[in-house]
Amino acid sequence: MKGALTPVLTAAGFSVLDERYATDDHVTVIIDAGDCKDPEMMGAHRRNGDSIVVLASEADALKIDNDQIALLSGILTGDLSADAFVRSLRLICSGERVFPPTLAPKRKLPSSSPGNEAWSDGSRLSAREREVLSHLLAGHANKVIARHLGTTEAAVKVHLKNLLRKINVDDRTQAAIWALSNLTDLGDIPRGFV
């Protein structure tokens, strides 16, 4: 795992440490699914204020119980592309929690009727909603999105509300995960806006 991740993370601008050194810095720790069952290790990371991310297969992710999930900042599965992995990790570093859709409760979608077609291709998203979505992938707050788009935070909230409704998710983290899974044409993620 580490050998394959190090070049990807380094190229994305992350610092990769071989060991956890005693420091006051907040870090994101990537562990294997089996490690989240070690209460001593998990407790040490939680006391340090570290974000804990499990890298697991989808099958192993389903075996992690709710008490262990509550302690995690995210679970990333091996089927993610390098780009999706980096984007998910950026979301986690910005304070969001990221989990595979298979862990989310199954949603009962409205019955099929004209106007209730699936949104999996994102074809019904407006250009502005796509812009907001690309900023969500970068982990930007509404205030930052508004500043970059030259609009108000209230307008961003309206676009975000419409976006969440259209893709049938509950929050911005789920929207970002949906975008990683369903859209390949969002272009470059806006960076450097604070």
N, C-alpha and C. Protein backbone atom coordinates (compact mmCIF):
# COMPACT_ATOMS: atom_id res chain seq x y z
N MET A 1 0.83 -1.18 0.00
CA MET A 1 0.00 0.00 0.00
C MET A 1 0.87 1.25 0.00
N LYS A 2 1.78 1.35 0.95
CA LYS A 2 2.58 2.56 1.10
C LYS A 2 3.41 2.85 -0.14
N GLY A 3 3.99 1.82 -0.70
CA GLY A 3 4.83 2.02 -1.87
C GLY A 3 4.08 2.63 -3.04
N ALA A 4 2.83 2.24 -3.23
CA ALA A 4 2.04 2.76 -4.34
C ALA A 4 1.48 4.15 -4.04
N LEU A 5 1.18 4.43 -2.78
CA LEU A 5 0.58 5.71 -2.41
C LEU A 5 1.58 6.85 -2.34
N THR A 6 2.80 6.57 -1.90
CA THR A 6 3.77 7.63 -1.68
C THR A 6 3.99 8.51 -2.91
N PRO A 7 4.24 7.97 -4.11
CA PRO A 7 4.42 8.85 -5.26
C PRO A 7 3.17 9.66 -5.61
N VAL A 8 2.01 9.05 -5.46
CA VAL A 8 0.76 9.74 -5.78
C VAL A 8 0.55 10.92 -4.81
N LEU A 9 0.75 10.66 -3.52
CA LEU A 9 0.55 11.70 -2.52
C LEU A 9 1.60 12.79 -2.62
N THR A 10 2.83 12.42 -2.87
CA THR A 10 3.91 13.40 -3.00
C THR A 10 3.65 14.30 -4.22
N ALA A 11 3.24 13.70 -5.33
CA ALA A 11 2.95 14.47 -6.54
C ALA A 11 1.79 15.44 -6.31
N ALA A 12 0.88 15.09 -5.41
CA ALA A 12 -0.28 15.94 -5.11
C ALA A 12 0.04 17.00 -4.07
N GLY A 13 1.28 17.02 -3.57
CA GLY A 13 1.68 18.05 -2.62
C GLY A 13 1.57 17.66 -1.16
N PHE A 14 1.28 16.41 -0.87
CA PHE A 14 1.21 15.96 0.51
C PHE A 14 2.61 15.59 1.01
N SER A 15 2.84 15.75 2.30
CA SER A 15 4.08 15.27 2.91
C SER A 15 3.80 13.87 3.43
N VAL A 16 4.69 12.94 3.14
CA VAL A 16 4.50 11.56 3.55
C VAL A 16 5.60 11.21 4.55
N LEU A 17 5.19 10.79 5.75
CA LEU A 17 6.13 10.40 6.79
C LEU A 17 6.10 8.90 6.97
N ASP A 18 7.26 8.33 7.24
CA ASP A 18 7.33 6.89 7.49
C ASP A 18 6.74 6.52 8.83
N GLU A 19 6.92 7.37 9.82
CA GLU A 19 6.42 7.09 11.15
C GLU A 19 5.71 8.32 11.68
N ARG A 20 4.93 8.11 12.71
CA ARG A 20 4.24 9.22 13.38
C ARG A 20 5.19 9.75 14.44
N TYR A 21 5.67 10.96 14.25
CA TYR A 21 6.56 11.57 15.23
C TYR A 21 5.74 12.40 16.21
N ALA A 22 6.25 12.56 17.43
CA ALA A 22 5.57 13.38 18.42
C ALA A 22 5.62 14.83 17.94
N THR A 23 4.46 15.39 17.69
CA THR A 23 4.39 16.74 17.18
C THR A 23 3.04 17.35 17.54
N ASP A 24 2.97 18.65 17.52
CA ASP A 24 1.70 19.33 17.78
C ASP A 24 0.90 19.51 16.51
N ASP A 25 1.50 19.19 15.37
CA ASP A 25 0.82 19.37 14.08
C ASP A 25 -0.31 18.36 13.91
N HIS A 26 -1.38 18.83 13.32
CA HIS A 26 -2.49 17.94 12.97
C HIS A 26 -2.10 17.18 11.70
N VAL A 27 -2.26 15.90 11.72
CA VAL A 27 -1.90 15.09 10.56
C VAL A 27 -3.07 14.19 10.17
N THR A 28 -3.01 13.71 8.95
CA THR A 28 -3.96 12.72 8.49
C THR A 28 -3.21 11.40 8.42
N VAL A 29 -3.72 10.40 9.11
CA VAL A 29 -3.08 9.10 9.19
C VAL A 29 -3.88 8.10 8.36
N ILE A 30 -3.20 7.40 7.47
CA ILE A 30 -3.85 6.38 6.66
C ILE A 30 -3.49 5.02 7.23
N ILE A 31 -4.50 4.25 7.59
CA ILE A 31 -4.27 2.93 8.19
C ILE A 31 -5.02 1.87 7.40
N ASP A 32 -4.68 0.62 7.67
CA ASP A 32 -5.39 -0.52 7.07
C ASP A 32 -6.65 -0.80 7.88
N ALA A 33 -7.59 -1.50 7.27
CA ALA A 33 -8.86 -1.80 7.94
C ALA A 33 -8.66 -2.53 9.26
N GLY A 34 -7.72 -3.45 9.32
CA GLY A 34 -7.48 -4.19 10.56
C GLY A 34 -6.98 -3.32 11.70
N ASP A 35 -6.27 -2.23 11.36
CA ASP A 35 -5.71 -1.36 12.39
C ASP A 35 -6.78 -0.58 13.16
N CYS A 36 -7.95 -0.37 12.56
CA CYS A 36 -8.97 0.41 13.27
C CYS A 36 -9.59 -0.39 14.41
N LYS A 37 -9.23 -1.68 14.51
CA LYS A 37 -9.72 -2.51 15.62
C LYS A 37 -8.77 -2.47 16.82
N ASP A 38 -7.65 -1.73 16.69
CA ASP A 38 -6.68 -1.60 17.78
C ASP A 38 -7.03 -0.36 18.59
N PRO A 39 -7.70 -0.55 19.76
CA PRO A 39 -8.17 0.61 20.53
C PRO A 39 -7.04 1.50 21.04
N GLU A 40 -5.89 0.91 21.33
CA GLU A 40 -4.76 1.70 21.82
C GLU A 40 -4.25 2.65 20.74
N MET A 41 -4.06 2.13 19.54
CA MET A 41 -3.58 2.95 18.44
C MET A 41 -4.61 4.02 18.07
N MET A 42 -5.87 3.63 17.98
CA MET A 42 -6.92 4.58 17.63
C MET A 42 -7.02 5.69 18.68
N GLY A 43 -6.93 5.30 19.94
CA GLY A 43 -6.98 6.28 21.02
C GLY A 43 -5.84 7.28 20.96
N ALA A 44 -4.64 6.79 20.65
CA ALA A 44 -3.48 7.67 20.54
C ALA A 44 -3.68 8.69 19.42
N HIS A 45 -4.16 8.25 18.27
CA HIS A 45 -4.40 9.17 17.16
C HIS A 45 -5.50 10.17 17.50
N ARG A 46 -6.55 9.71 18.15
CA ARG A 46 -7.65 10.61 18.52
C ARG A 46 -7.18 11.66 19.53
N ARG A 47 -6.35 11.26 20.51
CA ARG A 47 -5.83 12.22 21.48
C ARG A 47 -4.96 13.28 20.82
N ASN A 48 -4.25 12.90 19.75
CA ASN A 48 -3.42 13.85 19.01
C ASN A 48 -4.25 14.75 18.11
N GLY A 49 -5.53 14.44 17.93
CA GLY A 49 -6.38 15.22 17.04
C GLY A 49 -6.18 14.89 15.57
N ASP A 50 -5.58 13.72 15.32
CA ASP A 50 -5.32 13.31 13.94
C ASP A 50 -6.62 12.92 13.23
N SER A 51 -6.64 13.16 11.93
CA SER A 51 -7.71 12.62 11.09
C SER A 51 -7.27 11.19 10.73
N ILE A 52 -8.15 10.24 10.94
CA ILE A 52 -7.82 8.84 10.66
C ILE A 52 -8.60 8.38 9.45
N VAL A 53 -7.88 7.89 8.44
CA VAL A 53 -8.47 7.41 7.21
C VAL A 53 -8.11 5.95 7.03
N VAL A 54 -9.09 5.13 6.77
CA VAL A 54 -8.84 3.71 6.52
C VAL A 54 -8.79 3.49 5.02
N LEU A 55 -7.77 2.79 4.57
CA LEU A 55 -7.68 2.35 3.18
C LEU A 55 -8.03 0.87 3.18
N ALA A 56 -9.12 0.52 2.51
CA ALA A 56 -9.61 -0.86 2.57
C ALA A 56 -10.28 -1.25 1.27
N SER A 57 -10.45 -2.53 1.09
CA SER A 57 -11.27 -3.01 -0.02
C SER A 57 -12.72 -2.71 0.36
N GLU A 58 -13.60 -2.72 -0.62
CA GLU A 58 -15.01 -2.46 -0.34
C GLU A 58 -15.57 -3.50 0.62
N ALA A 59 -15.17 -4.75 0.46
CA ALA A 59 -15.65 -5.83 1.34
C ALA A 59 -15.18 -5.59 2.78
N ASP A 60 -13.91 -5.21 2.95
CA ASP A 60 -13.39 -4.94 4.30
C ASP A 60 -14.04 -3.71 4.91
N ALA A 61 -14.35 -2.71 4.09
CA ALA A 61 -15.00 -1.50 4.59
C ALA A 61 -16.37 -1.83 5.18
N LEU A 62 -17.08 -2.77 4.56
CA LEU A 62 -18.39 -3.16 5.06
C LEU A 62 -18.32 -3.89 6.40
N LYS A 63 -17.16 -4.44 6.73
CA LYS A 63 -16.98 -5.18 7.99
C LYS A 63 -16.65 -4.27 9.17
N ILE A 64 -16.36 -3.00 8.91
CA ILE A 64 -16.02 -2.06 9.98
C ILE A 64 -17.31 -1.68 10.69
N ASP A 65 -17.34 -1.85 12.03
CA ASP A 65 -18.59 -1.59 12.75
C ASP A 65 -18.80 -0.08 13.00
N ASN A 66 -20.02 0.26 13.38
CA ASN A 66 -20.40 1.67 13.53
C ASN A 66 -19.58 2.40 14.58
N ASP A 67 -19.20 1.73 15.67
CA ASP A 67 -18.38 2.38 16.70
C ASP A 67 -17.02 2.76 16.14
N GLN A 68 -16.45 1.91 15.31
CA GLN A 68 -15.15 2.21 14.70
C GLN A 68 -15.31 3.32 13.65
N ILE A 69 -16.38 3.26 12.87
CA ILE A 69 -16.62 4.29 11.85
C ILE A 69 -16.76 5.66 12.49
N ALA A 70 -17.37 5.72 13.68
CA ALA A 70 -17.56 7.00 14.37
C ALA A 70 -16.23 7.69 14.67
N LEU A 71 -15.16 6.93 14.81
CA LEU A 71 -13.85 7.50 15.13
C LEU A 71 -13.07 7.93 13.89
N LEU A 72 -13.56 7.57 12.72
CA LEU A 72 -12.81 7.81 11.49
C LEU A 72 -13.22 9.10 10.79
N SER A 73 -12.27 9.66 10.06
CA SER A 73 -12.55 10.81 9.20
C SER A 73 -12.94 10.35 7.80
N GLY A 74 -12.63 9.10 7.49
CA GLY A 74 -13.00 8.59 6.19
C GLY A 74 -12.55 7.18 5.95
N ILE A 75 -13.16 6.56 4.95
CA ILE A 75 -12.75 5.25 4.46
C ILE A 75 -12.61 5.40 2.95
N LEU A 76 -11.43 5.09 2.44
CA LEU A 76 -11.19 5.15 1.00
C LEU A 76 -10.93 3.74 0.51
N THR A 77 -11.60 3.38 -0.56
CA THR A 77 -11.48 2.02 -1.08
C THR A 77 -10.47 1.98 -2.22
N GLY A 78 -9.92 0.80 -2.43
CA GLY A 78 -8.89 0.59 -3.44
C GLY A 78 -9.36 0.77 -4.86
N ASP A 79 -10.67 0.84 -5.08
CA ASP A 79 -11.16 1.00 -6.45
C ASP A 79 -11.18 2.46 -6.92
N LEU A 80 -10.77 3.39 -6.07
CA LEU A 80 -10.71 4.80 -6.46
C LEU A 80 -9.52 5.03 -7.38
N SER A 81 -9.71 5.90 -8.35
CA SER A 81 -8.58 6.30 -9.19
C SER A 81 -7.65 7.15 -8.33
N ALA A 82 -6.42 7.37 -8.80
CA ALA A 82 -5.47 8.19 -8.05
C ALA A 82 -6.04 9.59 -7.85
N ASP A 83 -6.67 10.14 -8.89
CA ASP A 83 -7.24 11.48 -8.79
C ASP A 83 -8.37 11.53 -7.77
N ALA A 84 -9.26 10.55 -7.79
CA ALA A 84 -10.37 10.49 -6.84
C ALA A 84 -9.84 10.31 -5.42
N PHE A 85 -8.78 9.52 -5.27
CA PHE A 85 -8.18 9.32 -3.96
C PHE A 85 -7.64 10.64 -3.41
N VAL A 86 -6.90 11.37 -4.25
CA VAL A 86 -6.32 12.65 -3.82
C VAL A 86 -7.42 13.65 -3.49
N ARG A 87 -8.45 13.73 -4.33
CA ARG A 87 -9.55 14.66 -4.07
C ARG A 87 -10.26 14.31 -2.77
N SER A 88 -10.49 13.03 -2.54
CA SER A 88 -11.14 12.60 -1.30
C SER A 88 -10.27 12.95 -0.09
N LEU A 89 -8.97 12.74 -0.22
CA LEU A 89 -8.06 13.06 0.88
C LEU A 89 -8.04 14.57 1.14
N ARG A 90 -8.11 15.37 0.09
CA ARG A 90 -8.18 16.84 0.28
C ARG A 90 -9.46 17.22 1.04
N LEU A 91 -10.57 16.59 0.71
CA LEU A 91 -11.82 16.85 1.43
C LEU A 91 -11.66 16.52 2.91
N ILE A 92 -11.03 15.39 3.19
CA ILE A 92 -10.81 14.98 4.58
C ILE A 92 -9.91 15.99 5.30
N CYS A 93 -8.86 16.43 4.63
CA CYS A 93 -7.94 17.41 5.24
C CYS A 93 -8.63 18.74 5.51
N SER A 94 -9.68 19.05 4.73
CA SER A 94 -10.40 20.30 4.96
C SER A 94 -11.48 20.15 6.04
N GLY A 95 -11.58 18.97 6.64
CA GLY A 95 -12.51 18.77 7.75
C GLY A 95 -13.76 17.98 7.41
N GLU A 96 -13.93 17.59 6.15
CA GLU A 96 -15.08 16.79 5.77
C GLU A 96 -14.82 15.32 6.11
N ARG A 97 -15.90 14.55 6.21
CA ARG A 97 -15.78 13.10 6.40
C ARG A 97 -16.18 12.45 5.08
N VAL A 98 -15.40 11.46 4.64
CA VAL A 98 -15.63 10.83 3.34
C VAL A 98 -15.72 9.32 3.52
N PHE A 99 -16.85 8.76 3.07
CA PHE A 99 -17.06 7.32 3.16
C PHE A 99 -17.62 6.81 1.85
N PRO A 100 -17.38 5.52 1.53
CA PRO A 100 -17.91 4.99 0.28
C PRO A 100 -19.43 4.96 0.30
N PRO A 101 -20.05 5.14 -0.85
CA PRO A 101 -21.52 5.14 -0.91
C PRO A 101 -22.12 3.84 -0.40
N THR A 102 -21.40 2.73 -0.45
CA THR A 102 -21.94 1.45 0.01
C THR A 102 -22.20 1.45 1.51
N LEU A 103 -21.56 2.35 2.26
CA LEU A 103 -21.81 2.42 3.69
C LEU A 103 -23.02 3.27 4.03
N ALA A 104 -23.42 4.12 3.09
CA ALA A 104 -24.58 4.99 3.32
C ALA A 104 -25.85 4.15 3.31
N PRO A 105 -26.82 4.57 4.08
CA PRO A 105 -28.08 3.84 4.03
C PRO A 105 -28.63 3.86 2.60
N LYS A 106 -29.22 2.76 2.21
CA LYS A 106 -29.79 2.68 0.85
C LYS A 106 -30.94 3.68 0.74
N ARG A 107 -30.91 4.46 -0.32
CA ARG A 107 -31.95 5.46 -0.54
C ARG A 107 -33.05 4.87 -1.41
N LYS A 108 -34.24 5.17 -1.04
CA LYS A 108 -35.35 4.74 -1.88
C LYS A 108 -35.66 5.88 -2.83
N LEU A 109 -35.35 5.68 -4.09
CA LEU A 109 -35.56 6.71 -5.09
C LEU A 109 -37.01 6.75 -5.50
N PRO A 110 -37.49 7.92 -5.91
CA PRO A 110 -38.87 7.99 -6.37
C PRO A 110 -39.09 7.06 -7.54
N SER A 111 -40.32 6.59 -7.67
CA SER A 111 -40.61 5.68 -8.78
C SER A 111 -40.38 6.41 -10.09
N SER A 112 -40.05 5.64 -11.10
CA SER A 112 -39.73 6.22 -12.39
C SER A 112 -40.96 6.81 -13.04
N SER A 113 -40.83 8.05 -13.42
CA SER A 113 -41.88 8.73 -14.16
C SER A 113 -41.20 9.80 -14.98
N PRO A 114 -41.89 10.41 -15.93
CA PRO A 114 -41.22 11.43 -16.74
C PRO A 114 -40.72 12.53 -15.83
N GLY A 115 -39.57 12.92 -15.77
CA GLY A 115 -39.07 13.95 -14.87
C GLY A 115 -38.36 13.37 -13.66
N ASN A 116 -38.44 12.05 -13.43
CA ASN A 116 -37.73 11.44 -12.32
C ASN A 116 -36.62 10.53 -12.82
N GLU A 117 -36.04 10.84 -13.97
CA GLU A 117 -34.98 10.01 -14.50
C GLU A 117 -33.75 10.08 -13.60
N ALA A 118 -32.89 9.11 -13.73
CA ALA A 118 -31.66 9.09 -12.92
C ALA A 118 -30.78 10.28 -13.28
N TRP A 119 -30.05 10.77 -12.32
CA TRP A 119 -29.18 11.91 -12.51
C TRP A 119 -27.74 11.49 -12.64
N SER A 120 -27.47 10.24 -12.87
CA SER A 120 -26.09 9.75 -12.79
C SER A 120 -25.14 10.42 -13.77
N ASP A 121 -25.65 10.98 -14.86
CA ASP A 121 -24.74 11.62 -15.79
C ASP A 121 -24.60 13.11 -15.50
N GLY A 122 -25.39 13.65 -14.60
CA GLY A 122 -25.28 15.05 -14.24
C GLY A 122 -25.75 15.99 -15.34
N SER A 123 -26.48 15.48 -16.33
CA SER A 123 -26.88 16.30 -17.47
C SER A 123 -27.84 17.42 -17.09
N ARG A 124 -28.51 17.30 -15.98
CA ARG A 124 -29.48 18.31 -15.59
C ARG A 124 -28.88 19.39 -14.70
N LEU A 125 -27.59 19.30 -14.42
CA LEU A 125 -26.94 20.32 -13.61
C LEU A 125 -26.66 21.55 -14.46
N SER A 126 -26.95 22.72 -13.90
CA SER A 126 -26.64 23.96 -14.61
C SER A 126 -25.13 24.18 -14.60
N ALA A 127 -24.68 25.10 -15.44
CA ALA A 127 -23.25 25.42 -15.48
C ALA A 127 -22.79 25.94 -14.12
N ARG A 128 -23.61 26.75 -13.46
CA ARG A 128 -23.24 27.30 -12.15
C ARG A 128 -23.19 26.19 -11.10
N GLU A 129 -24.13 25.24 -11.16
CA GLU A 129 -24.11 24.13 -10.21
C GLU A 129 -22.86 23.28 -10.42
N ARG A 130 -22.43 23.12 -11.65
CA ARG A 130 -21.18 22.39 -11.92
C ARG A 130 -19.98 23.14 -11.35
N GLU A 131 -20.00 24.48 -11.45
CA GLU A 131 -18.91 25.27 -10.86
C GLU A 131 -18.88 25.09 -9.35
N VAL A 132 -20.05 25.16 -8.72
CA VAL A 132 -20.14 24.97 -7.28
C VAL A 132 -19.63 23.59 -6.91
N LEU A 133 -20.02 22.59 -7.69
CA LEU A 133 -19.58 21.22 -7.44
C LEU A 133 -18.06 21.09 -7.53
N SER A 134 -17.45 21.75 -8.50
CA SER A 134 -15.99 21.68 -8.61
C SER A 134 -15.31 22.31 -7.40
N HIS A 135 -15.92 23.36 -6.85
CA HIS A 135 -15.36 23.97 -5.64
C HIS A 135 -15.56 23.05 -4.42
N LEU A 136 -16.68 22.33 -4.38
CA LEU A 136 -16.89 21.37 -3.30
C LEU A 136 -15.80 20.31 -3.32
N LEU A 137 -15.43 19.86 -4.52
CA LEU A 137 -14.36 18.86 -4.65
C LEU A 137 -13.03 19.39 -4.12
N ALA A 138 -12.83 20.69 -4.21
CA ALA A 138 -11.60 21.29 -3.70
C ALA A 138 -11.70 21.57 -2.21
N GLY A 139 -12.87 21.33 -1.61
CA GLY A 139 -13.04 21.53 -0.18
C GLY A 139 -13.29 22.97 0.22
N HIS A 140 -13.72 23.81 -0.71
CA HIS A 140 -13.93 25.22 -0.42
C HIS A 140 -15.23 25.46 0.33
N ALA A 141 -15.19 26.43 1.25
CA ALA A 141 -16.38 26.85 1.99
C ALA A 141 -17.24 27.74 1.10
N ASN A 142 -18.50 27.93 1.49
CA ASN A 142 -19.42 28.75 0.71
C ASN A 142 -18.88 30.17 0.49
N LYS A 143 -18.25 30.73 1.50
CA LYS A 143 -17.71 32.08 1.40
C LYS A 143 -16.63 32.17 0.32
N VAL A 144 -15.77 31.17 0.25
CA VAL A 144 -14.71 31.13 -0.75
C VAL A 144 -15.32 30.94 -2.14
N ILE A 145 -16.31 30.06 -2.24
CA ILE A 145 -16.97 29.82 -3.52
C ILE A 145 -17.61 31.12 -4.01
N ALA A 146 -18.31 31.80 -3.12
CA ALA A 146 -18.97 33.05 -3.49
C ALA A 146 -17.97 34.09 -3.98
N ARG A 147 -16.86 34.22 -3.29
CA ARG A 147 -15.84 35.19 -3.68
C ARG A 147 -15.30 34.87 -5.07
N HIS A 148 -15.01 33.59 -5.32
CA HIS A 148 -14.46 33.20 -6.62
C HIS A 148 -15.47 33.38 -7.75
N LEU A 149 -16.75 33.08 -7.47
CA LEU A 149 -17.77 33.17 -8.52
C LEU A 149 -18.34 34.58 -8.66
N GLY A 150 -17.93 35.48 -7.76
CA GLY A 150 -18.42 36.86 -7.83
C GLY A 150 -19.89 36.99 -7.49
N THR A 151 -20.32 36.23 -6.50
CA THR A 151 -21.72 36.24 -6.09
C THR A 151 -21.79 36.26 -4.57
N THR A 152 -22.97 36.11 -4.03
CA THR A 152 -23.14 36.13 -2.58
C THR A 152 -23.17 34.71 -2.02
N GLU A 153 -22.94 34.62 -0.71
CA GLU A 153 -23.04 33.31 -0.06
C GLU A 153 -24.46 32.77 -0.17
N ALA A 154 -25.45 33.65 -0.10
CA ALA A 154 -26.85 33.22 -0.22
C ALA A 154 -27.10 32.57 -1.59
N ALA A 155 -26.53 33.13 -2.64
CA ALA A 155 -26.69 32.56 -3.98
C ALA A 155 -26.02 31.19 -4.06
N VAL A 156 -24.85 31.08 -3.44
CA VAL A 156 -24.15 29.78 -3.42
C VAL A 156 -24.99 28.75 -2.70
N LYS A 157 -25.63 29.15 -1.59
CA LYS A 157 -26.48 28.22 -0.84
C LYS A 157 -27.66 27.74 -1.68
N VAL A 158 -28.23 28.64 -2.48
CA VAL A 158 -29.35 28.26 -3.35
C VAL A 158 -28.87 27.25 -4.39
N HIS A 159 -27.72 27.55 -5.03
CA HIS A 159 -27.18 26.62 -6.03
C HIS A 159 -26.87 25.27 -5.39
N LEU A 160 -26.30 25.30 -4.19
CA LEU A 160 -25.95 24.06 -3.48
C LEU A 160 -27.21 23.26 -3.14
N LYS A 161 -28.25 23.95 -2.67
CA LYS A 161 -29.51 23.27 -2.34
C LYS A 161 -30.10 22.59 -3.58
N ASN A 162 -30.12 23.31 -4.70
CA ASN A 162 -30.64 22.74 -5.95
C ASN A 162 -29.79 21.56 -6.41
N LEU A 163 -28.48 21.71 -6.30
CA LEU A 163 -27.56 20.65 -6.69
C LEU A 163 -27.81 19.38 -5.87
N LEU A 164 -27.91 19.53 -4.55
CA LEU A 164 -28.14 18.37 -3.67
C LEU A 164 -29.45 17.67 -4.02
N ARG A 165 -30.48 18.47 -4.30
CA ARG A 165 -31.78 17.90 -4.66
C ARG A 165 -31.69 17.13 -5.98
N LYS A 166 -31.02 17.72 -6.96
CA LYS A 166 -30.95 17.09 -8.28
C LYS A 166 -30.21 15.77 -8.28
N ILE A 167 -29.17 15.66 -7.47
CA ILE A 167 -28.39 14.41 -7.46
C ILE A 167 -28.79 13.49 -6.31
N ASN A 168 -29.81 13.92 -5.55
CA ASN A 168 -30.39 13.09 -4.50
C ASN A 168 -29.40 12.71 -3.41
N VAL A 169 -28.69 13.72 -2.87
CA VAL A 169 -27.80 13.50 -1.74
C VAL A 169 -28.15 14.51 -0.65
N ASP A 170 -27.63 14.27 0.56
CA ASP A 170 -28.01 15.08 1.72
C ASP A 170 -27.07 16.23 2.06
N ASP A 171 -25.79 16.10 1.70
CA ASP A 171 -24.85 17.14 2.11
C ASP A 171 -23.73 17.31 1.09
N ARG A 172 -22.87 18.30 1.34
CA ARG A 172 -21.82 18.65 0.39
C ARG A 172 -20.78 17.54 0.25
N THR A 173 -20.52 16.80 1.31
CA THR A 173 -19.56 15.69 1.21
C THR A 173 -20.10 14.62 0.28
N GLN A 174 -21.36 14.26 0.45
CA GLN A 174 -21.96 13.26 -0.43
C GLN A 174 -21.98 13.76 -1.88
N ALA A 175 -22.18 15.06 -2.06
CA ALA A 175 -22.17 15.62 -3.42
C ALA A 175 -20.79 15.48 -4.05
N ALA A 176 -19.75 15.74 -3.27
CA ALA A 176 -18.38 15.61 -3.79
C ALA A 176 -18.08 14.16 -4.14
N ILE A 177 -18.50 13.24 -3.30
CA ILE A 177 -18.29 11.82 -3.57
C ILE A 177 -19.07 11.42 -4.82
N TRP A 178 -20.31 11.92 -4.94
CA TRP A 178 -21.11 11.63 -6.13
C TRP A 178 -20.38 12.12 -7.38
N ALA A 179 -19.82 13.32 -7.33
CA ALA A 179 -19.11 13.88 -8.48
C ALA A 179 -17.91 13.03 -8.85
N LEU A 180 -17.16 12.56 -7.85
CA LEU A 180 -16.00 11.72 -8.12
C LEU A 180 -16.42 10.43 -8.83
N SER A 181 -17.58 9.93 -8.47
CA SER A 181 -18.05 8.66 -9.05
C SER A 181 -18.76 8.82 -10.38
N ASN A 182 -19.37 9.98 -10.62
CA ASN A 182 -20.26 10.12 -11.77
C ASN A 182 -19.85 11.12 -12.84
N LEU A 183 -18.98 12.05 -12.51
CA LEU A 183 -18.61 13.08 -13.48
C LEU A 183 -17.13 13.05 -13.78
N THR A 184 -16.81 13.06 -15.03
CA THR A 184 -15.40 13.10 -15.42
C THR A 184 -15.08 14.39 -16.16
N ASP A 185 -16.09 15.21 -16.38
CA ASP A 185 -15.89 16.40 -17.21
C ASP A 185 -15.96 17.72 -16.44
N LEU A 186 -15.64 17.71 -15.15
CA LEU A 186 -15.68 18.95 -14.39
C LEU A 186 -14.48 19.84 -14.66
N GLY A 187 -13.46 19.30 -15.29
CA GLY A 187 -12.27 20.11 -15.57
C GLY A 187 -11.40 20.24 -14.34
N ASP A 188 -10.54 21.25 -14.36
CA ASP A 188 -9.62 21.46 -13.25
C ASP A 188 -10.36 21.93 -12.02
N ILE A 189 -9.89 21.45 -10.89
CA ILE A 189 -10.43 21.87 -9.62
C ILE A 189 -9.83 23.23 -9.28
N PRO A 190 -10.67 24.21 -8.91
CA PRO A 190 -10.12 25.52 -8.55
C PRO A 190 -9.22 25.40 -7.33
N ARG A 191 -8.07 25.98 -7.39
CA ARG A 191 -7.12 25.93 -6.27
C ARG A 191 -6.68 27.34 -5.93
N GLY A 192 -6.16 27.50 -4.74
CA GLY A 192 -5.54 28.74 -4.35
C GLY A 192 -6.49 29.84 -3.94
N PHE A 193 -7.77 29.54 -3.71
CA PHE A 193 -8.70 30.55 -3.29
C PHE A 193 -8.95 30.39 -1.80
N VAL A 194 -8.72 31.43 -1.05
CA VAL A 194 -8.95 31.37 0.38
C VAL A 194 -9.71 32.57 0.84
